[in-house]
């Protein structure tokens, strides 16, 4: 099973890299829109609520470190977060890809979905009245809320790269 997940992750990252090859930094402004550079300047140009959300989201994922030793859900969620960060660093470094918000959203969808599936299947947040149960409920909500924006931004980005114009 883990071999299949490894192959799927590898294929997904390779596909994402292939799709993103035509992107160049000169075409984009700095901000948090799907087709904007989401770098330090892009974060600074984002609304206050987006900057607060990023801090809250990072803290929520980091809280999972308290549970990774003993809980599979925490390992899947934190592992997906780390995998996503590494994929972004490798793809941006190796291929010179700019940090476009829609591309980052695509990586989130690929890397965080396995953890979300485990969280939703096990529903620990409904079964355990503990700090861990509360964290699983919180991180499930965080990922689902993020996906509301990530799905839209990834679709816009893929549409832009493919040149189809469905979301223009």
C-alpha atoms as a PDB file:
ATOM      1  CA  UNK A   1       0.000   0.000   0.000  1.00  0.00           C
ATOM      2  CA  UNK A   2       2.737   2.487   0.919  1.00  0.00           C
ATOM      3  CA  UNK A   3       4.578   1.578  -2.296  1.00  0.00           C
ATOM      4  CA  UNK A   4       1.455   2.504  -4.253  1.00  0.00           C
ATOM      5  CA  UNK A   5       1.167   5.800  -2.362  1.00  0.00           C
ATOM      6  CA  UNK A   6       4.847   6.524  -3.052  1.00  0.00           C
ATOM      7  CA  UNK A   7       4.352   5.868  -6.770  1.00  0.00           C
ATOM      8  CA  UNK A   8       1.207   7.985  -6.841  1.00  0.00           C
ATOM      9  CA  UNK A   9       2.972  10.849  -5.062  1.00  0.00           C
ATOM     10  CA  UNK A  10       5.949  10.620  -7.407  1.00  0.00           C
ATOM     11  CA  UNK A  11       3.716  10.571 -10.473  1.00  0.00           C
ATOM     12  CA  UNK A  12       1.655  13.491  -9.162  1.00  0.00           C
ATOM     13  CA  UNK A  13       4.711  15.635  -8.460  1.00  0.00           C
ATOM     14  CA  UNK A  14       6.205  14.767 -11.858  1.00  0.00           C
ATOM     15  CA  UNK A  15       2.943  15.684 -13.570  1.00  0.00           C
ATOM     16  CA  UNK A  16       2.743  18.959 -11.651  1.00  0.00           C
ATOM     17  CA  UNK A  17       6.302  19.807 -12.669  1.00  0.00           C
ATOM     18  CA  UNK A  18       5.563  19.033 -16.316  1.00  0.00           C
ATOM     19  CA  UNK A  19       2.423  21.177 -16.273  1.00  0.00           C
ATOM     20  CA  UNK A  20       4.295  24.089 -14.701  1.00  0.00           C
ATOM     21  CA  UNK A  21       7.240  24.178 -17.144  1.00  0.00           C
ATOM     22  CA  UNK A  22       5.840  27.023 -19.234  1.00  0.00           C
ATOM     23  CA  UNK A  23       5.383  29.372 -16.263  1.00  0.00           C
ATOM     24  CA  UNK A  24       7.778  32.289 -15.999  1.00  0.00           C
ATOM     25  CA  UNK A  25       8.046  34.799 -13.188  1.00  0.00           C
ATOM     26  CA  UNK A  26       7.940  37.798 -15.526  1.00  0.00           C
ATOM     27  CA  UNK A  27       4.253  37.213 -16.329  1.00  0.00           C
ATOM     28  CA  UNK A  28       2.977  37.564 -12.769  1.00  0.00           C
ATOM     29  CA  UNK A  29       2.451  40.208 -10.089  1.00  0.00           C
ATOM     30  CA  UNK A  30       2.907  39.625  -6.347  1.00  0.00           C
ATOM     31  CA  UNK A  31      -0.173  38.678  -4.323  1.00  0.00           C
ATOM     32  CA  UNK A  32      -2.352  35.764  -3.246  1.00  0.00           C
ATOM     33  CA  UNK A  33      -4.450  35.370  -6.406  1.00  0.00           C
ATOM     34  CA  UNK A  34      -4.260  32.110  -8.353  1.00  0.00           C
ATOM     35  CA  UNK A  35      -1.956  33.620 -10.986  1.00  0.00           C
ATOM     36  CA  UNK A  36       0.160  35.784  -8.693  1.00  0.00           C
ATOM     37  CA  UNK A  37       3.556  35.180  -7.143  1.00  0.00           C
ATOM     38  CA  UNK A  38       3.056  34.082  -3.553  1.00  0.00           C
ATOM     39  CA  UNK A  39       6.490  34.941  -2.218  1.00  0.00           C
ATOM     40  CA  UNK A  40       7.387  37.257   0.672  1.00  0.00           C
ATOM     41  CA  UNK A  41       6.214  40.281  -1.336  1.00  0.00           C
ATOM     42  CA  UNK A  42       3.029  38.428  -2.312  1.00  0.00           C
ATOM     43  CA  UNK A  43       2.319  37.617   1.326  1.00  0.00           C
ATOM     44  CA  UNK A  44       2.956  41.252   2.285  1.00  0.00           C
ATOM     45  CA  UNK A  45       0.516  42.367  -0.440  1.00  0.00           C
ATOM     46  CA  UNK A  46      -2.179  39.960   0.784  1.00  0.00           C
ATOM     47  CA  UNK A  47      -5.097  41.040   2.977  1.00  0.00           C
ATOM     48  CA  UNK A  48      -4.583  40.842   6.733  1.00  0.00           C
ATOM     49  CA  UNK A  49      -6.990  37.902   7.053  1.00  0.00           C
ATOM     50  CA  UNK A  50      -4.828  35.865   4.614  1.00  0.00           C
ATOM     51  CA  UNK A  51      -1.663  36.551   6.631  1.00  0.00           C
ATOM     52  CA  UNK A  52      -3.472  35.601   9.866  1.00  0.00           C
ATOM     53  CA  UNK A  53      -4.825  32.448   8.179  1.00  0.00           C
ATOM     54  CA  UNK A  54      -1.322  31.399   7.099  1.00  0.00           C
ATOM     55  CA  UNK A  55      -0.018  31.711  10.668  1.00  0.00           C
ATOM     56  CA  UNK A  56      -3.024  29.813  12.054  1.00  0.00           C
ATOM     57  CA  UNK A  57      -2.691  27.090   9.406  1.00  0.00           C
ATOM     58  CA  UNK A  58       1.043  26.650  10.023  1.00  0.00           C
ATOM     59  CA  UNK A  59       0.451  26.468  13.783  1.00  0.00           C
ATOM     60  CA  UNK A  60      -2.273  23.855  13.263  1.00  0.00           C
ATOM     61  CA  UNK A  61       0.006  21.660  11.158  1.00  0.00           C
ATOM     62  CA  UNK A  62       2.896  22.164  13.608  1.00  0.00           C
ATOM     63  CA  UNK A  63       0.659  21.034  16.494  1.00  0.00           C
ATOM     64  CA  UNK A  64       0.494  17.656  14.765  1.00  0.00           C
ATOM     65  CA  UNK A  65       4.142  17.139  15.729  1.00  0.00           C
ATOM     66  CA  UNK A  66       2.894  16.458  19.267  1.00  0.00           C
ATOM     67  CA  UNK A  67       1.168  13.300  18.009  1.00  0.00           C
ATOM     68  CA  UNK A  68       3.279  11.895  15.149  1.00  0.00           C
ATOM     69  CA  UNK A  69       5.027   9.317  17.289  1.00  0.00           C
ATOM     70  CA  UNK A  70       1.875   7.433  18.218  1.00  0.00           C
ATOM     71  CA  UNK A  71      -0.855   8.374  15.731  1.00  0.00           C
ATOM     72  CA  UNK A  72      -1.160   7.481  12.046  1.00  0.00           C
ATOM     73  CA  UNK A  73      -3.438  10.429  11.284  1.00  0.00           C
ATOM     74  CA  UNK A  74      -0.836  12.857  12.590  1.00  0.00           C
ATOM     75  CA  UNK A  75       1.918  11.127  10.603  1.00  0.00           C
ATOM     76  CA  UNK A  76      -0.150  11.332   7.422  1.00  0.00           C
ATOM     77  CA  UNK A  77      -1.074  15.003   7.927  1.00  0.00           C
ATOM     78  CA  UNK A  78       2.370  16.211   9.005  1.00  0.00           C
ATOM     79  CA  UNK A  79       4.033  13.975   6.410  1.00  0.00           C
ATOM     80  CA  UNK A  80       1.819  15.434   3.683  1.00  0.00           C
ATOM     81  CA  UNK A  81       2.660  18.950   4.816  1.00  0.00           C
ATOM     82  CA  UNK A  82       6.398  18.199   4.788  1.00  0.00           C
ATOM     83  CA  UNK A  83       6.115  16.389   1.434  1.00  0.00           C
ATOM     84  CA  UNK A  84       4.348  19.406  -0.041  1.00  0.00           C
ATOM     85  CA  UNK A  85       6.992  21.815   1.237  1.00  0.00           C
ATOM     86  CA  UNK A  86       9.802  19.603  -0.062  1.00  0.00           C
ATOM     87  CA  UNK A  87       8.094  19.208  -3.436  1.00  0.00           C
ATOM     88  CA  UNK A  88       7.759  22.974  -3.750  1.00  0.00           C
ATOM     89  CA  UNK A  89      11.404  23.519  -2.817  1.00  0.00           C
ATOM     90  CA  UNK A  90      12.656  20.814  -5.198  1.00  0.00           C
ATOM     91  CA  UNK A  91      10.451  21.842  -8.124  1.00  0.00           C
ATOM     92  CA  UNK A  92      11.178  25.521  -7.687  1.00  0.00           C
ATOM     93  CA  UNK A  93      14.893  24.939  -7.215  1.00  0.00           C
ATOM     94  CA  UNK A  94      15.468  22.284  -9.869  1.00  0.00           C
ATOM     95  CA  UNK A  95      13.259  23.746 -12.570  1.00  0.00           C
ATOM     96  CA  UNK A  96      13.274  27.429 -11.622  1.00  0.00           C
ATOM     97  CA  UNK A  97       9.497  27.472 -11.190  1.00  0.00           C
ATOM     98  CA  UNK A  98       8.117  30.660  -9.673  1.00  0.00           C
ATOM     99  CA  UNK A  99       5.994  30.387  -6.497  1.00  0.00           C
ATOM    100  CA  UNK A 100       2.650  30.975  -8.196  1.00  0.00           C
ATOM    101  CA  UNK A 101      -0.285  30.683  -5.800  1.00  0.00           C
ATOM    102  CA  UNK A 102      -2.206  28.309  -8.088  1.00  0.00           C
ATOM    103  CA  UNK A 103       0.794  25.979  -8.348  1.00  0.00           C
ATOM    104  CA  UNK A 104       1.186  26.005  -4.555  1.00  0.00           C
ATOM    105  CA  UNK A 105      -2.534  25.182  -4.290  1.00  0.00           C
ATOM    106  CA  UNK A 106      -2.036  22.242  -6.671  1.00  0.00           C
ATOM    107  CA  UNK A 107       0.774  20.905  -4.479  1.00  0.00           C
ATOM    108  CA  UNK A 108      -1.465  21.283  -1.402  1.00  0.00           C
ATOM    109  CA  UNK A 109      -4.185  19.217  -3.073  1.00  0.00           C
ATOM    110  CA  UNK A 110      -1.749  16.473  -4.038  1.00  0.00           C
ATOM    111  CA  UNK A 111       0.164  16.327  -0.752  1.00  0.00           C
ATOM    112  CA  UNK A 112      -2.612  16.908   1.792  1.00  0.00           C
ATOM    113  CA  UNK A 113      -5.367  14.718   0.334  1.00  0.00           C
ATOM    114  CA  UNK A 114      -4.086  11.374   1.723  1.00  0.00           C
ATOM    115  CA  UNK A 115      -4.034  12.824   5.259  1.00  0.00           C
ATOM    116  CA  UNK A 116      -7.502  14.299   4.835  1.00  0.00           C
ATOM    117  CA  UNK A 117      -8.845  10.951   3.622  1.00  0.00           C
ATOM    118  CA  UNK A 118      -7.443   9.202   6.714  1.00  0.00           C
ATOM    119  CA  UNK A 119      -8.900  11.893   8.982  1.00  0.00           C
ATOM    120  CA  UNK A 120     -12.345  11.598   7.398  1.00  0.00           C
ATOM    121  CA  UNK A 121     -12.339   7.795   7.352  1.00  0.00           C
ATOM    122  CA  UNK A 122     -11.285   7.393  10.978  1.00  0.00           C
ATOM    123  CA  UNK A 123     -13.253  10.388  12.297  1.00  0.00           C
ATOM    124  CA  UNK A 124     -11.178  10.488  15.464  1.00  0.00           C
ATOM    125  CA  UNK A 125     -12.522  13.987  16.091  1.00  0.00           C
ATOM    126  CA  UNK A 126     -15.939  12.410  16.754  1.00  0.00           C
ATOM    127  CA  UNK A 127     -14.676   9.478  18.837  1.00  0.00           C
ATOM    128  CA  UNK A 128     -12.061  10.889  21.210  1.00  0.00           C
ATOM    129  CA  UNK A 129     -12.595  13.572  23.816  1.00  0.00           C
ATOM    130  CA  UNK A 130      -8.950  14.496  24.191  1.00  0.00           C
ATOM    131  CA  UNK A 131      -6.399  17.007  22.982  1.00  0.00           C
ATOM    132  CA  UNK A 132      -5.666  14.667  20.093  1.00  0.00           C
ATOM    133  CA  UNK A 133      -9.347  14.399  19.180  1.00  0.00           C
ATOM    134  CA  UNK A 134      -9.614  18.194  19.233  1.00  0.00           C
ATOM    135  CA  UNK A 135      -6.527  18.513  17.014  1.00  0.00           C
ATOM    136  CA  UNK A 136      -7.906  16.038  14.458  1.00  0.00           C
ATOM    137  CA  UNK A 137     -11.119  18.086  14.286  1.00  0.00           C
ATOM    138  CA  UNK A 138      -9.191  21.331  13.957  1.00  0.00           C
ATOM    139  CA  UNK A 139      -6.788  20.090  11.261  1.00  0.00           C
ATOM    140  CA  UNK A 140      -9.636  18.484   9.313  1.00  0.00           C
ATOM    141  CA  UNK A 141     -11.438  21.845   9.287  1.00  0.00           C
ATOM    142  CA  UNK A 142      -8.204  23.666   8.367  1.00  0.00           C
ATOM    143  CA  UNK A 143      -7.526  21.390   5.391  1.00  0.00           C
ATOM    144  CA  UNK A 144     -11.139  21.517   4.181  1.00  0.00           C
ATOM    145  CA  UNK A 145     -11.217  25.325   4.436  1.00  0.00           C
ATOM    146  CA  UNK A 146      -7.891  25.551   2.603  1.00  0.00           C
ATOM    147  CA  UNK A 147      -9.173  23.247  -0.124  1.00  0.00           C
ATOM    148  CA  UNK A 148     -12.080  25.632  -0.818  1.00  0.00           C
ATOM    149  CA  UNK A 149      -9.479  28.104  -2.095  1.00  0.00           C
ATOM    150  CA  UNK A 150      -6.912  25.556  -3.299  1.00  0.00           C
ATOM    151  CA  UNK A 151      -9.334  23.769  -5.638  1.00  0.00           C
ATOM    152  CA  UNK A 152     -10.342  27.047  -7.255  1.00  0.00           C
ATOM    153  CA  UNK A 153      -6.772  28.367  -7.516  1.00  0.00           C
ATOM    154  CA  UNK A 154      -5.371  25.083  -8.843  1.00  0.00           C
ATOM    155  CA  UNK A 155      -8.117  24.930 -11.488  1.00  0.00           C
ATOM    156  CA  UNK A 156      -7.400  28.505 -12.582  1.00  0.00           C
ATOM    157  CA  UNK A 157      -3.667  27.773 -12.696  1.00  0.00           C
ATOM    158  CA  UNK A 158      -4.096  24.551 -14.698  1.00  0.00           C
ATOM    159  CA  UNK A 159      -6.476  26.340 -17.047  1.00  0.00           C
ATOM    160  CA  UNK A 160      -3.904  29.106 -17.521  1.00  0.00           C
ATOM    161  CA  UNK A 161      -1.033  26.686 -18.169  1.00  0.00           C
ATOM    162  CA  UNK A 162      -3.116  24.600 -20.572  1.00  0.00           C
ATOM    163  CA  UNK A 163      -4.368  27.751 -22.310  1.00  0.00           C
ATOM    164  CA  UNK A 164      -7.957  26.484 -22.360  1.00  0.00           C
ATOM    165  CA  UNK A 165      -9.532  29.644 -20.943  1.00  0.00           C
ATOM    166  CA  UNK A 166     -12.392  28.010 -19.013  1.00  0.00           C
ATOM    167  CA  UNK A 167     -11.876  30.175 -15.932  1.00  0.00           C
ATOM    168  CA  UNK A 168     -10.758  33.395 -17.664  1.00  0.00           C
END
